[in-house]
Protein backbone atom coordinates (compact mmCIF):
# COMPACT_ATOMS: atom_id res chain seq x y z
CA MET A 1 109.32 66.25 84.69
CA PHE A 2 108.26 69.67 82.89
CA ASP A 3 107.09 71.16 86.25
CA ARG A 4 110.85 70.36 87.58
CA ILE A 5 112.51 71.84 84.58
CA PHE A 6 110.29 75.06 84.71
CA LEU A 7 111.11 75.13 88.59
CA VAL A 8 114.85 74.99 87.95
CA MET A 9 114.65 77.47 85.02
CA LYS A 10 112.74 79.82 87.31
CA MET A 11 115.36 79.64 90.00
CA LYS A 12 118.07 80.21 87.60
CA LYS A 13 115.97 83.52 86.68
CA LEU A 14 115.81 84.63 89.99
CA LEU A 15 119.02 84.05 90.96
CA LEU A 16 120.78 86.31 87.93
CA VAL A 17 118.16 88.95 88.58
CA PHE A 18 119.51 88.93 92.18
CA VAL A 19 123.21 88.88 91.12
CA GLY A 20 122.53 91.74 88.77
CA LEU A 21 120.99 93.89 91.41
CA LEU A 22 123.98 92.70 93.63
CA CYS A 23 126.42 94.03 91.38
CA SER A 24 124.75 97.21 90.62
CA LEU A 25 124.99 98.04 94.24
CA VAL A 26 128.53 97.14 94.26
CA ILE A 27 129.10 99.91 91.14
CA SER A 28 126.96 102.58 92.69
CA ALA A 29 129.01 102.38 96.08
CA GLN A 30 131.59 104.53 94.80
CA THR A 31 132.80 107.90 95.78
CA ASN A 32 132.14 110.10 92.84
CA PHE A 33 135.55 111.68 92.00
CA GLN A 34 135.08 114.04 89.21
CA GLU A 35 137.82 114.84 86.59
CA LEU A 36 137.94 118.51 87.22
CA SER A 37 140.54 121.19 87.36
CA LEU A 38 140.54 122.70 90.78
CA GLU A 39 138.97 126.22 89.29
CA LYS A 40 136.41 123.86 87.89
CA ALA A 41 135.79 121.99 91.21
CA ARG A 42 135.43 125.42 93.01
CA GLU A 43 132.87 126.90 90.15
CA GLN A 44 130.88 124.11 90.68
CA ALA A 45 131.26 123.59 94.58
CA ARG A 46 130.10 127.41 94.58
CA ALA A 47 127.01 126.54 92.22
CA GLU A 48 125.97 123.63 94.56
CA ASN A 49 126.92 125.48 97.67
CA LYS A 50 129.11 122.53 98.92
CA PRO A 51 132.89 122.57 100.00
CA ILE A 52 135.47 120.59 97.99
CA PHE A 53 137.02 117.06 99.10
CA LEU A 54 140.38 117.00 97.41
CA ASP A 55 142.06 113.58 97.55
CA CYS A 56 145.99 114.41 97.38
CA TYR A 57 147.65 110.90 96.29
CA THR A 58 150.62 109.62 94.42
CA SER A 59 150.81 106.45 92.18
CA TRP A 60 153.03 104.60 94.38
CA CYS A 61 151.30 105.37 97.61
CA GLY A 62 150.15 102.16 99.51
CA PRO A 63 147.72 104.06 101.84
CA CYS A 64 146.41 105.82 98.99
CA LYS A 65 146.00 102.62 97.09
CA MET A 66 143.93 101.40 100.34
CA LEU A 67 141.75 104.27 100.73
CA ALA A 68 140.78 103.81 96.83
CA LYS A 69 140.08 100.33 97.13
CA GLU A 70 138.36 100.00 100.58
CA VAL A 71 137.40 103.17 101.97
CA PHE A 72 136.13 105.27 99.09
CA THR A 73 134.11 102.12 97.79
CA ASP A 74 132.35 101.74 101.14
CA PRO A 75 128.67 102.40 100.75
CA GLU A 76 128.24 104.62 103.63
CA VAL A 77 131.19 106.72 102.62
CA ALA A 78 130.16 107.06 99.15
CA ALA A 79 126.71 108.26 99.91
CA PHE A 80 127.90 110.79 102.37
CA PHE A 81 130.86 112.51 100.25
CA ASN A 82 128.45 112.21 96.91
CA GLU A 83 125.80 114.16 99.16
CA LYS A 84 128.06 117.02 100.87
CA PHE A 85 130.96 117.61 98.64
CA VAL A 86 132.48 118.26 95.41
CA ASN A 87 134.99 115.29 95.08
CA VAL A 88 138.42 115.13 93.12
CA LYS A 89 141.36 113.60 93.12
CA VAL A 90 144.82 114.52 92.00
CA ASP A 91 147.89 112.89 91.45
CA MET A 92 150.32 115.37 93.66
CA GLU A 93 153.51 114.09 91.00
CA LYS A 94 151.35 115.21 87.38
CA GLY A 95 149.62 118.00 85.93
CA GLU A 96 148.22 120.45 88.10
CA GLY A 97 149.01 118.35 90.93
CA VAL A 98 152.69 119.99 91.18
CA GLU A 99 151.38 123.06 91.81
CA LEU A 100 148.32 122.04 93.94
CA LYS A 101 151.24 120.49 95.94
CA LYS A 102 153.06 123.98 96.70
CA GLN A 103 149.71 125.72 97.21
CA TYR A 104 148.63 123.32 100.07
CA LYS A 105 151.94 122.43 101.25
CA VAL A 106 151.61 118.70 100.85
CA SER A 107 154.29 116.97 102.08
CA ALA A 108 152.96 113.32 102.87
CA TYR A 109 150.30 111.17 101.12
CA PRO A 110 147.60 110.45 101.26
CA THR A 111 146.67 114.45 102.29
CA LEU A 112 143.05 114.92 102.38
CA ASN A 113 141.95 118.44 101.92
CA PHE A 114 138.45 119.86 102.71
CA ILE A 115 138.44 123.17 100.80
CA ASN A 116 135.46 125.89 100.46
CA GLY A 117 134.35 127.13 97.24
CA LYS A 118 136.71 129.99 97.50
CA GLY A 119 139.91 127.29 97.35
CA GLU A 120 140.64 128.26 100.97
CA LEU A 121 141.80 125.03 103.26
CA GLN A 122 139.11 124.38 105.79
CA HIS A 123 140.59 120.97 107.43
CA CYS A 124 143.33 118.30 106.41
CA VAL A 125 144.34 114.66 107.38
CA VAL A 126 147.11 112.71 106.36
CA GLY A 127 147.14 109.17 105.94
CA GLY A 128 144.86 106.22 105.67
CA MET A 129 142.11 105.39 107.73
CA PRO A 130 138.80 103.36 108.01
CA ALA A 131 135.60 104.63 106.79
CA ASP A 132 134.04 106.01 109.93
CA ALA A 133 136.91 107.67 110.99
CA LEU A 134 137.33 109.24 107.58
CA ILE A 135 133.58 110.35 108.02
CA ALA A 136 133.99 111.74 111.33
CA GLN A 137 136.79 114.18 109.93
CA ALA A 138 134.56 115.16 107.27
CA LYS A 139 131.91 116.32 109.73
CA LEU A 140 134.29 118.34 111.49
CA ALA A 141 135.02 120.14 108.43
CA LEU A 142 131.30 120.67 107.74
CA GLU A 143 130.75 121.69 111.01
CA GLY A 144 133.17 124.44 110.80
CA LYS A 145 135.61 122.47 113.53
CA GLY A 146 138.48 121.58 111.24
CA LEU A 147 142.06 122.23 111.79
CA ILE A 148 142.03 125.84 110.13
CA ALA A 149 139.05 127.37 112.53
CA LEU A 150 140.87 125.65 115.34
CA GLN A 151 144.36 127.32 114.49
CA THR A 152 142.24 130.81 114.47
CA LEU A 153 140.68 129.82 118.21
CA TYR A 154 144.00 129.15 119.42
CA ALA A 155 145.81 132.47 117.91
CA GLN A 156 142.67 134.37 119.46
CA GLY A 157 143.79 132.76 122.72
CA ASN A 158 141.84 129.80 123.89
CA ARG A 159 143.62 127.81 126.21
CA GLU A 160 141.07 125.68 127.61
CA SER A 161 142.05 121.91 128.38
CA GLN A 162 139.32 120.54 126.18
CA PHE A 163 140.17 122.74 123.28
CA ILE A 164 143.69 122.13 123.54
CA GLU A 165 143.51 118.52 123.31
CA ASP A 166 140.84 118.74 120.05
CA TYR A 167 143.82 121.33 118.52
CA LEU A 168 146.61 118.53 119.30
CA THR A 169 144.46 115.98 117.83
CA ALA A 170 143.80 117.94 114.67
CA LEU A 171 147.33 118.69 114.38
CA ASP A 172 148.45 115.19 114.62
CA MET A 173 146.08 114.12 111.97
CA GLY A 174 147.43 116.83 109.69
CA ASN A 175 150.83 115.59 110.13
CA GLN A 176 151.95 118.83 111.99
CA ALA A 177 154.26 117.05 114.58
CA ALA A 178 156.35 120.54 115.24
CA GLU A 179 153.42 122.70 115.66
CA ALA A 180 151.79 120.16 117.95
CA GLU A 181 154.80 119.99 120.50
CA LYS A 182 154.99 123.61 120.44
CA VAL A 183 151.65 123.85 121.48
CA ALA A 184 151.72 121.19 124.07
CA SER A 185 154.65 122.65 125.42
CA GLU A 186 153.12 126.19 126.00
CA TYR A 187 150.30 124.50 127.55
CA LEU A 188 152.07 122.21 130.09
CA GLY A 189 154.98 124.78 130.79
CA LYS A 190 152.19 127.36 132.15
CA MET A 191 151.12 125.07 134.28
CA GLU A 192 152.76 123.69 137.69
CA GLN A 193 155.10 120.91 136.67
CA ALA A 194 153.69 118.73 139.62
CA ARG A 195 150.12 118.59 137.56
CA LEU A 196 152.30 116.60 134.97
CA LYS A 197 151.38 113.52 137.41
CA GLU A 198 147.67 114.34 136.13
CA LYS A 199 146.76 111.48 133.83
CA ALA A 200 145.69 113.43 130.85
CA ASN A 201 148.56 116.05 131.18
CA TRP A 202 151.03 113.00 131.38
CA ASP A 203 149.52 111.31 128.43
CA MET A 204 150.05 114.71 126.39
CA PHE A 205 153.48 114.98 127.43
CA ASN A 206 154.51 111.51 126.55
CA LYS A 207 152.76 111.99 123.07
CA TYR A 208 153.80 115.54 122.11
CA ILE A 209 157.26 116.24 124.18
CA ASN A 210 160.43 115.29 122.48
CA ASP A 211 162.66 117.89 123.51
CA VAL A 212 164.95 116.70 125.91
CA ASP A 213 166.63 119.73 126.91
CA SER A 214 163.29 121.35 128.03
CA ASP A 215 162.71 122.09 131.59
CA ILE A 216 159.20 119.74 131.24
CA PHE A 217 161.72 116.91 130.33
CA ARG A 218 164.23 117.71 132.98
CA TYR A 219 161.41 118.01 135.40
CA VAL A 220 160.39 114.36 134.09
CA TYR A 221 163.63 113.04 134.23
CA ASP A 222 164.36 114.46 137.81
CA ASN A 223 161.42 112.59 139.21
CA GLN A 224 161.16 109.59 137.16
CA ASN A 225 161.03 107.31 139.90
CA GLU A 226 157.67 108.71 140.99
CA PHE A 227 156.48 108.82 137.50
CA ALA A 228 157.30 105.35 137.23
CA GLY A 229 155.27 104.43 140.30
CA LEU A 230 152.20 106.38 139.02
CA PHE A 231 152.35 105.00 135.18
CA GLY A 232 154.31 102.10 135.27
CA GLU A 233 158.28 101.33 134.44
CA LYS A 234 157.19 100.85 130.73
CA GLU A 235 155.88 104.75 130.65
């Protein structure tokens, strides 16, 4: 009788310990967003030799809430961002956020900015995304392959096909549709129009070109039956 009571009490004690450990793990799996002004964040970033991750959000933004609830609490995201970045989140409609919105030309939410210790933007992505995608974007920023680096290479004349694809993806992720169309139009416009029948070039046209008065669009319209045969009537 007493042995059974003792065993039950021991099992309850072990269960409480397990629950306590589980709760502590859940609490610790949080991206550490510090309540810092950008200037203080820059000082800390320089002192720790880390870049800044700036979550630009608003109180009414649905994808912002999804990130806060589901992504920034992901253990892998929390561990990665806490180790690699000084993390700051700012409401773009309050306090310092109003000026930061102008400074970084924030026009959609959430805007996720990766900034160096000087306060210079290195990479930018817009919108909610799953944990693995966010970590992938953060790695691009850390590796010097973010949007700003690609803009520099483009300005210097890089027009290699893989680079253009990467640059267009970065522009798309950064909510820069007009610039993406400009880049795609220039790239496709300098090749033989018949090369639009190549799948990669067709995909680029289909995703980024919207100007119905452009030569590229007219070529596709004039040859729509051939394109339908290649890529299907729906395309």
